[in-house]
PDB file of all heavy atoms in Angstrom:
ATOM      1  N   ASP A   1      11.328  -1.069 -13.414  1.00  0.00           N
ATOM      2  CA  ASP A   1      11.470  -0.699 -12.003  1.00  0.00           C
ATOM      3  C   ASP A   1      10.361   0.264 -11.597  1.00  0.00           C
ATOM      4  O   ASP A   1      10.007   1.180 -12.346  1.00  0.00           O
ATOM      5  CB  ASP A   1      12.822  -0.040 -11.769  1.00  0.00           C
ATOM      6  CG  ASP A   1      13.983  -1.016 -11.898  1.00  0.00           C
ATOM      7  OD1 ASP A   1      13.719  -2.192 -12.214  1.00  0.00           O
ATOM      8  OD2 ASP A   1      15.138  -0.603 -11.692  1.00  0.00           O
ATOM      9  N   GLY A   2       9.847   0.073 -10.406  1.00  0.00           N
ATOM     10  CA  GLY A   2       8.828   0.979  -9.895  1.00  0.00           C
ATOM     11  C   GLY A   2       7.969   0.298  -8.846  1.00  0.00           C
ATOM     12  O   GLY A   2       8.149  -0.878  -8.506  1.00  0.00           O
ATOM     13  N   LEU A   3       7.034   1.062  -8.303  1.00  0.00           N
ATOM     14  CA  LEU A   3       6.117   0.566  -7.286  1.00  0.00           C
ATOM     15  C   LEU A   3       4.807   0.177  -7.965  1.00  0.00           C
ATOM     16  O   LEU A   3       4.147   1.019  -8.577  1.00  0.00           O
ATOM     17  CB  LEU A   3       5.883   1.654  -6.226  1.00  0.00           C
ATOM     18  CG  LEU A   3       5.313   1.216  -4.863  1.00  0.00           C
ATOM     19  CD1 LEU A   3       5.520   2.327  -3.836  1.00  0.00           C
ATOM     20  CD2 LEU A   3       3.834   0.875  -4.940  1.00  0.00           C
ATOM     21  N   TYR A   4       4.446  -1.087  -7.863  1.00  0.00           N
ATOM     22  CA  TYR A   4       3.206  -1.598  -8.452  1.00  0.00           C
ATOM     23  C   TYR A   4       2.152  -1.676  -7.352  1.00  0.00           C
ATOM     24  O   TYR A   4       2.304  -2.423  -6.376  1.00  0.00           O
ATOM     25  CB  TYR A   4       3.444  -2.958  -9.089  1.00  0.00           C
ATOM     26  CG  TYR A   4       4.229  -2.885 -10.384  1.00  0.00           C
ATOM     27  CD1 TYR A   4       5.594  -2.612 -10.371  1.00  0.00           C
ATOM     28  CD2 TYR A   4       3.608  -3.047 -11.612  1.00  0.00           C
ATOM     29  CE1 TYR A   4       6.332  -2.526 -11.552  1.00  0.00           C
ATOM     30  CE2 TYR A   4       4.326  -2.965 -12.805  1.00  0.00           C
ATOM     31  CZ  TYR A   4       5.684  -2.702 -12.763  1.00  0.00           C
ATOM     32  OH  TYR A   4       6.402  -2.611 -13.944  1.00  0.00           O
ATOM     33  N   HIS A   5       1.098  -0.884  -7.526  1.00  0.00           N
ATOM     34  CA  HIS A   5       0.048  -0.721  -6.515  1.00  0.00           C
ATOM     35  C   HIS A   5      -1.219  -1.414  -7.021  1.00  0.00           C
ATOM     36  O   HIS A   5      -1.901  -0.913  -7.915  1.00  0.00           O
ATOM     37  CB  HIS A   5      -0.187   0.774  -6.288  1.00  0.00           C
ATOM     38  CG  HIS A   5      -1.288   1.104  -5.335  1.00  0.00           C
ATOM     39  ND1 HIS A   5      -1.256   0.765  -4.006  1.00  0.00           N
ATOM     40  CD2 HIS A   5      -2.472   1.769  -5.527  1.00  0.00           C
ATOM     41  CE1 HIS A   5      -2.355   1.202  -3.411  1.00  0.00           C
ATOM     42  NE2 HIS A   5      -3.106   1.800  -4.315  1.00  0.00           N
ATOM     43  N   PHE A   6      -1.505  -2.594  -6.460  1.00  0.00           N
ATOM     44  CA  PHE A   6      -2.663  -3.387  -6.876  1.00  0.00           C
ATOM     45  C   PHE A   6      -3.819  -3.124  -5.911  1.00  0.00           C
ATOM     46  O   PHE A   6      -3.628  -3.182  -4.683  1.00  0.00           O
ATOM     47  CB  PHE A   6      -2.326  -4.877  -6.861  1.00  0.00           C
ATOM     48  CG  PHE A   6      -1.261  -5.275  -7.844  1.00  0.00           C
ATOM     49  CD1 PHE A   6       0.083  -5.267  -7.477  1.00  0.00           C
ATOM     50  CD2 PHE A   6      -1.597  -5.654  -9.134  1.00  0.00           C
ATOM     51  CE1 PHE A   6       1.066  -5.636  -8.379  1.00  0.00           C
ATOM     52  CE2 PHE A   6      -0.621  -6.026 -10.043  1.00  0.00           C
ATOM     53  CZ  PHE A   6       0.714  -6.015  -9.672  1.00  0.00           C
ATOM     54  N   THR A   7      -4.999  -2.845  -6.449  1.00  0.00           N
ATOM     55  CA  THR A   7      -6.149  -2.544  -5.595  1.00  0.00           C
ATOM     56  C   THR A   7      -7.342  -3.423  -5.955  1.00  0.00           C
ATOM     57  O   THR A   7      -7.516  -3.844  -7.100  1.00  0.00           O
ATOM     58  CB  THR A   7      -6.560  -1.068  -5.715  1.00  0.00           C
ATOM     59  OG1 THR A   7      -6.859  -0.767  -7.090  1.00  0.00           O
ATOM     60  CG2 THR A   7      -5.463  -0.152  -5.219  1.00  0.00           C
ATOM     61  N   GLU A   8      -8.149  -3.659  -4.938  1.00  0.00           N
ATOM     62  CA  GLU A   8      -9.426  -4.352  -5.099  1.00  0.00           C
ATOM     63  C   GLU A   8     -10.347  -3.824  -4.007  1.00  0.00           C
ATOM     64  O   GLU A   8     -10.149  -4.129  -2.830  1.00  0.00           O
ATOM     65  CB  GLU A   8      -9.248  -5.861  -4.976  1.00  0.00           C
ATOM     66  CG  GLU A   8     -10.526  -6.646  -5.226  1.00  0.00           C
ATOM     67  CD  GLU A   8     -10.255  -8.136  -5.220  1.00  0.00           C
ATOM     68  OE1 GLU A   8     -10.243  -8.727  -4.108  1.00  0.00           O
ATOM     69  OE2 GLU A   8     -10.046  -8.705  -6.310  1.00  0.00           O
ATOM     70  N   GLY A   9     -11.317  -3.006  -4.401  1.00  0.00           N
ATOM     71  CA  GLY A   9     -12.137  -2.330  -3.407  1.00  0.00           C
ATOM     72  C   GLY A   9     -11.268  -1.412  -2.569  1.00  0.00           C
ATOM     73  O   GLY A   9     -10.520  -0.592  -3.098  1.00  0.00           O
ATOM     74  N   GLU A  10     -11.326  -1.579  -1.250  1.00  0.00           N
ATOM     75  CA  GLU A  10     -10.508  -0.761  -0.353  1.00  0.00           C
ATOM     76  C   GLU A  10      -9.205  -1.459   0.039  1.00  0.00           C
ATOM     77  O   GLU A  10      -8.439  -0.931   0.845  1.00  0.00           O
ATOM     78  CB  GLU A  10     -11.311  -0.409   0.901  1.00  0.00           C
ATOM     79  CG  GLU A  10     -12.529   0.476   0.616  1.00  0.00           C
ATOM     80  CD  GLU A  10     -13.256   0.875   1.878  1.00  0.00           C
ATOM     81  OE1 GLU A  10     -12.798   0.467   2.968  1.00  0.00           O
ATOM     82  OE2 GLU A  10     -14.262   1.590   1.790  1.00  0.00           O
ATOM     83  N   SER A  11      -8.961  -2.622  -0.513  1.00  0.00           N
ATOM     84  CA  SER A  11      -7.750  -3.378  -0.183  1.00  0.00           C
ATOM     85  C   SER A  11      -6.671  -3.155  -1.240  1.00  0.00           C
ATOM     86  O   SER A  11      -6.965  -2.815  -2.387  1.00  0.00           O
ATOM     87  CB  SER A  11      -8.061  -4.870  -0.075  1.00  0.00           C
ATOM     88  OG  SER A  11      -8.983  -5.115   0.967  1.00  0.00           O
ATOM     89  N   HIS A  12      -5.435  -3.362  -0.840  1.00  0.00           N
ATOM     90  CA  HIS A  12      -4.324  -3.149  -1.765  1.00  0.00           C
ATOM     91  C   HIS A  12      -3.181  -4.109  -1.452  1.00  0.00           C
ATOM     92  O   HIS A  12      -3.081  -4.642  -0.347  1.00  0.00           O
ATOM     93  CB  HIS A  12      -3.814  -1.704  -1.673  1.00  0.00           C
ATOM     94  CG  HIS A  12      -3.164  -1.403  -0.352  1.00  0.00           C
ATOM     95  ND1 HIS A  12      -3.857  -0.873   0.710  1.00  0.00           N
ATOM     96  CD2 HIS A  12      -1.889  -1.584   0.090  1.00  0.00           C
ATOM     97  CE1 HIS A  12      -3.048  -0.736   1.743  1.00  0.00           C
ATOM     98  NE2 HIS A  12      -1.846  -1.164   1.391  1.00  0.00           N
ATOM     99  N   ILE A  13      -2.316  -4.309  -2.442  1.00  0.00           N
ATOM    100  CA  ILE A  13      -1.041  -5.012  -2.295  1.00  0.00           C
ATOM    101  C   ILE A  13      -0.001  -4.193  -3.047  1.00  0.00           C
ATOM    102  O   ILE A  13      -0.229  -3.800  -4.195  1.00  0.00           O
ATOM    103  CB  ILE A  13      -1.100  -6.438  -2.876  1.00  0.00           C
ATOM    104  CG1 ILE A  13      -2.120  -7.295  -2.122  1.00  0.00           C
ATOM    105  CG2 ILE A  13       0.278  -7.096  -2.820  1.00  0.00           C
ATOM    106  CD1 ILE A  13      -2.322  -8.672  -2.728  1.00  0.00           C
ATOM    107  N   ASP A  14       1.134  -3.914  -2.403  1.00  0.00           N
ATOM    108  CA  ASP A  14       2.194  -3.116  -3.015  1.00  0.00           C
ATOM    109  C   ASP A  14       3.450  -3.959  -3.202  1.00  0.00           C
ATOM    110  O   ASP A  14       3.935  -4.597  -2.258  1.00  0.00           O
ATOM    111  CB  ASP A  14       2.524  -1.899  -2.149  1.00  0.00           C
ATOM    112  CG  ASP A  14       1.379  -0.915  -2.085  1.00  0.00           C
ATOM    113  OD1 ASP A  14       0.796  -0.612  -3.140  1.00  0.00           O
ATOM    114  OD2 ASP A  14       1.045  -0.464  -0.963  1.00  0.00           O
ATOM    115  N   LEU A  15       3.975  -3.948  -4.411  1.00  0.00           N
ATOM    116  CA  LEU A  15       5.216  -4.638  -4.747  1.00  0.00           C
ATOM    117  C   LEU A  15       6.190  -3.629  -5.340  1.00  0.00           C
ATOM    118  O   LEU A  15       5.817  -2.851  -6.220  1.00  0.00           O
ATOM    119  CB  LEU A  15       4.974  -5.761  -5.754  1.00  0.00           C
ATOM    120  CG  LEU A  15       3.908  -6.810  -5.422  1.00  0.00           C
ATOM    121  CD1 LEU A  15       3.783  -7.809  -6.562  1.00  0.00           C
ATOM    122  CD2 LEU A  15       4.239  -7.531  -4.139  1.00  0.00           C
ATOM    123  N   LEU A  16       7.425  -3.655  -4.868  1.00  0.00           N
ATOM    124  CA  LEU A  16       8.460  -2.776  -5.403  1.00  0.00           C
ATOM    125  C   LEU A  16       9.394  -3.606  -6.267  1.00  0.00           C
ATOM    126  O   LEU A  16      10.017  -4.557  -5.790  1.00  0.00           O
ATOM    127  CB  LEU A  16       9.238  -2.112  -4.270  1.00  0.00           C
ATOM    128  CG  LEU A  16      10.288  -1.080  -4.692  1.00  0.00           C
ATOM    129  CD1 LEU A  16       9.624   0.133  -5.327  1.00  0.00           C
ATOM    130  CD2 LEU A  16      11.136  -0.651  -3.493  1.00  0.00           C
ATOM    131  N   LEU A  17       9.473  -3.267  -7.557  1.00  0.00           N
ATOM    132  CA  LEU A  17      10.351  -3.978  -8.487  1.00  0.00           C
ATOM    133  C   LEU A  17      11.608  -3.155  -8.726  1.00  0.00           C
ATOM    134  O   LEU A  17      11.538  -1.935  -8.937  1.00  0.00           O
ATOM    135  CB  LEU A  17       9.647  -4.228  -9.824  1.00  0.00           C
ATOM    136  CG  LEU A  17       8.799  -5.514  -9.936  1.00  0.00           C
ATOM    137  CD1 LEU A  17       7.706  -5.555  -8.884  1.00  0.00           C
ATOM    138  CD2 LEU A  17       8.220  -5.654 -11.325  1.00  0.00           C
ATOM    139  N   SER A  18      12.751  -3.821  -8.676  1.00  0.00           N
ATOM    140  CA  SER A  18      14.030  -3.148  -8.901  1.00  0.00           C
ATOM    141  C   SER A  18      14.966  -4.097  -9.644  1.00  0.00           C
ATOM    142  O   SER A  18      14.902  -5.317  -9.475  1.00  0.00           O
ATOM    143  CB  SER A  18      14.646  -2.742  -7.555  1.00  0.00           C
ATOM    144  OG  SER A  18      15.860  -2.041  -7.739  1.00  0.00           O
ATOM    145  N   GLY A  19      15.821  -3.527 -10.489  1.00  0.00           N
ATOM    146  CA  GLY A  19      16.774  -4.330 -11.250  1.00  0.00           C
ATOM    147  C   GLY A  19      16.145  -5.103 -12.387  1.00  0.00           C
ATOM    148  O   GLY A  19      16.706  -6.114 -12.840  1.00  0.00           O
ATOM    149  N   MET A  20      15.004  -4.639 -12.893  1.00  0.00           N
ATOM    150  CA  MET A  20      14.320  -5.368 -13.958  1.00  0.00           C
ATOM    151  C   MET A  20      15.094  -5.363 -15.275  1.00  0.00           C
ATOM    152  O   MET A  20      14.825  -6.179 -16.154  1.00  0.00           O
ATOM    153  CB  MET A  20      12.921  -4.788 -14.170  1.00  0.00           C
ATOM    154  CG  MET A  20      11.947  -5.067 -13.036  1.00  0.00           C
ATOM    155  SD  MET A  20      11.615  -6.829 -12.796  1.00  0.00           S
ATOM    156  CE  MET A  20      12.347  -7.117 -11.174  1.00  0.00           C
ATOM    157  N   ASP A  21      16.077  -4.487 -15.401  1.00  0.00           N
ATOM    158  CA  ASP A  21      16.913  -4.491 -16.600  1.00  0.00           C
ATOM    159  C   ASP A  21      17.813  -5.730 -16.644  1.00  0.00           C
ATOM    160  O   ASP A  21      18.375  -6.063 -17.688  1.00  0.00           O
ATOM    161  CB  ASP A  21      17.765  -3.221 -16.666  1.00  0.00           C
ATOM    162  CG  ASP A  21      18.644  -3.035 -15.436  1.00  0.00           C
ATOM    163  OD1 ASP A  21      18.194  -3.356 -14.326  1.00  0.00           O
ATOM    164  OD2 ASP A  21      19.780  -2.569 -15.587  1.00  0.00           O
ATOM    165  N   LYS A  22      17.923  -6.445 -15.506  1.00  0.00           N
ATOM    166  CA  LYS A  22      18.750  -7.659 -15.448  1.00  0.00           C
ATOM    167  C   LYS A  22      17.895  -8.912 -15.556  1.00  0.00           C
ATOM    168  O   LYS A  22      18.396 -10.031 -15.376  1.00  0.00           O
ATOM    169  CB  LYS A  22      19.549  -7.682 -14.144  1.00  0.00           C
ATOM    170  CG  LYS A  22      20.431  -6.453 -13.928  1.00  0.00           C
ATOM    171  CD  LYS A  22      21.100  -6.505 -12.575  1.00  0.00           C
ATOM    172  CE  LYS A  22      21.932  -5.260 -12.318  1.00  0.00           C
ATOM    173  NZ  LYS A  22      21.103  -4.059 -12.163  1.00  0.00           N
ATOM    174  N   LEU A  23      16.616  -8.743 -15.835  1.00  0.00           N
ATOM    175  CA  LEU A  23      15.681  -9.864 -15.828  1.00  0.00           C
ATOM    176  C   LEU A  23      16.083 -10.967 -16.803  1.00  0.00           C
ATOM    177  O   LEU A  23      15.950 -12.161 -16.502  1.00  0.00           O
ATOM    178  CB  LEU A  23      14.272  -9.351 -16.155  1.00  0.00           C
ATOM    179  CG  LEU A  23      13.083 -10.257 -15.870  1.00  0.00           C
ATOM    180  CD1 LEU A  23      13.066 -10.700 -14.422  1.00  0.00           C
ATOM    181  CD2 LEU A  23      11.786  -9.531 -16.208  1.00  0.00           C
ATOM    182  N   LEU A  24      16.583 -10.612 -17.968  1.00  0.00           N
ATOM    183  CA  LEU A  24      16.906 -11.604 -18.991  1.00  0.00           C
ATOM    184  C   LEU A  24      18.261 -12.271 -18.773  1.00  0.00           C
ATOM    185  O   LEU A  24      18.514 -13.356 -19.307  1.00  0.00           O
ATOM    186  CB  LEU A  24      16.879 -10.951 -20.379  1.00  0.00           C
ATOM    187  CG  LEU A  24      15.521 -10.413 -20.848  1.00  0.00           C
ATOM    188  CD1 LEU A  24      15.657  -9.752 -22.209  1.00  0.00           C
ATOM    189  CD2 LEU A  24      14.485 -11.524 -20.887  1.00  0.00           C
ATOM    190  N   THR A  25      19.111 -11.657 -17.956  1.00  0.00           N
ATOM    191  CA  THR A  25      20.459 -12.198 -17.770  1.00  0.00           C
ATOM    192  C   THR A  25      20.671 -12.837 -16.401  1.00  0.00           C
ATOM    193  O   THR A  25      21.590 -13.639 -16.237  1.00  0.00           O
ATOM    194  CB  THR A  25      21.510 -11.092 -17.964  1.00  0.00           C
ATOM    195  OG1 THR A  25      21.238 -10.013 -17.054  1.00  0.00           O
ATOM    196  CG2 THR A  25      21.469 -10.562 -19.387  1.00  0.00           C
ATOM    197  N   SER A  26      19.832 -12.508 -15.436  1.00  0.00           N
ATOM    198  CA  SER A  26      20.007 -13.053 -14.091  1.00  0.00           C
ATOM    199  C   SER A  26      19.419 -14.463 -14.002  1.00  0.00           C
ATOM    200  O   SER A  26      18.368 -14.739 -14.579  1.00  0.00           O
ATOM    201  CB  SER A  26      19.312 -12.148 -13.066  1.00  0.00           C
ATOM    202  OG  SER A  26      19.409 -12.703 -11.759  1.00  0.00           O
ATOM    203  N   PRO A  27      20.075 -15.368 -13.267  1.00  0.00           N
ATOM    204  CA  PRO A  27      19.541 -16.729 -13.138  1.00  0.00           C
ATOM    205  C   PRO A  27      18.276 -16.822 -12.301  1.00  0.00           C
ATOM    206  O   PRO A  27      17.569 -17.830 -12.357  1.00  0.00           O
ATOM    207  CB  PRO A  27      20.693 -17.497 -12.471  1.00  0.00           C
ATOM    208  CG  PRO A  27      21.486 -16.453 -11.764  1.00  0.00           C
ATOM    209  CD  PRO A  27      21.378 -15.214 -12.596  1.00  0.00           C
ATOM    210  N   ALA A  28      17.990 -15.785 -11.512  1.00  0.00           N
ATOM    211  CA  ALA A  28      16.799 -15.830 -10.657  1.00  0.00           C
ATOM    212  C   ALA A  28      16.403 -14.418 -10.250  1.00  0.00           C
ATOM    213  O   ALA A  28      17.188 -13.462 -10.362  1.00  0.00           O
ATOM    214  CB  ALA A  28      17.054 -16.678  -9.412  1.00  0.00           C
ATOM    215  N   VAL A  29      15.177 -14.298  -9.777  1.00  0.00           N
ATOM    216  CA  VAL A  29      14.654 -13.050  -9.219  1.00  0.00           C
ATOM    217  C   VAL A  29      14.430 -13.269  -7.730  1.00  0.00           C
ATOM    218  O   VAL A  29      13.790 -14.252  -7.330  1.00  0.00           O
ATOM    219  CB  VAL A  29      13.330 -12.647  -9.897  1.00  0.00           C
ATOM    220  CG1 VAL A  29      12.738 -11.402  -9.237  1.00  0.00           C
ATOM    221  CG2 VAL A  29      13.545 -12.404 -11.382  1.00  0.00           C
ATOM    222  N   LEU A  30      14.966 -12.389  -6.904  1.00  0.00           N
ATOM    223  CA  LEU A  30      14.744 -12.468  -5.466  1.00  0.00           C
ATOM    224  C   LEU A  30      13.363 -11.919  -5.139  1.00  0.00           C
ATOM    225  O   LEU A  30      12.927 -10.928  -5.729  1.00  0.00           O
ATOM    226  CB  LEU A  30      15.812 -11.678  -4.714  1.00  0.00           C
ATOM    227  CG  LEU A  30      17.275 -12.012  -5.037  1.00  0.00           C
ATOM    228  CD1 LEU A  30      18.205 -11.171  -4.162  1.00  0.00           C
ATOM    229  CD2 LEU A  30      17.552 -13.490  -4.861  1.00  0.00           C
ATOM    230  N   VAL A  31      12.681 -12.551  -4.205  1.00  0.00           N
ATOM    231  CA  VAL A  31      11.388 -12.069  -3.711  1.00  0.00           C
ATOM    232  C   VAL A  31      11.529 -11.920  -2.198  1.00  0.00           C
ATOM    233  O   VAL A  31      11.734 -12.909  -1.490  1.00  0.00           O
ATOM    234  CB  VAL A  31      10.242 -13.035  -4.043  1.00  0.00           C
ATOM    235  CG1 VAL A  31       8.922 -12.504  -3.478  1.00  0.00           C
ATOM    236  CG2 VAL A  31      10.136 -13.242  -5.549  1.00  0.00           C
TER     237      VAL A  31
END
């Protein structure tokens, strides 16, 4: 879980991951 901050030059993309402890047991990941 956490905020993943991807950068390239002056551009960025931010993704917030939550509930990753359920990754192996959940049938799907919501986006």
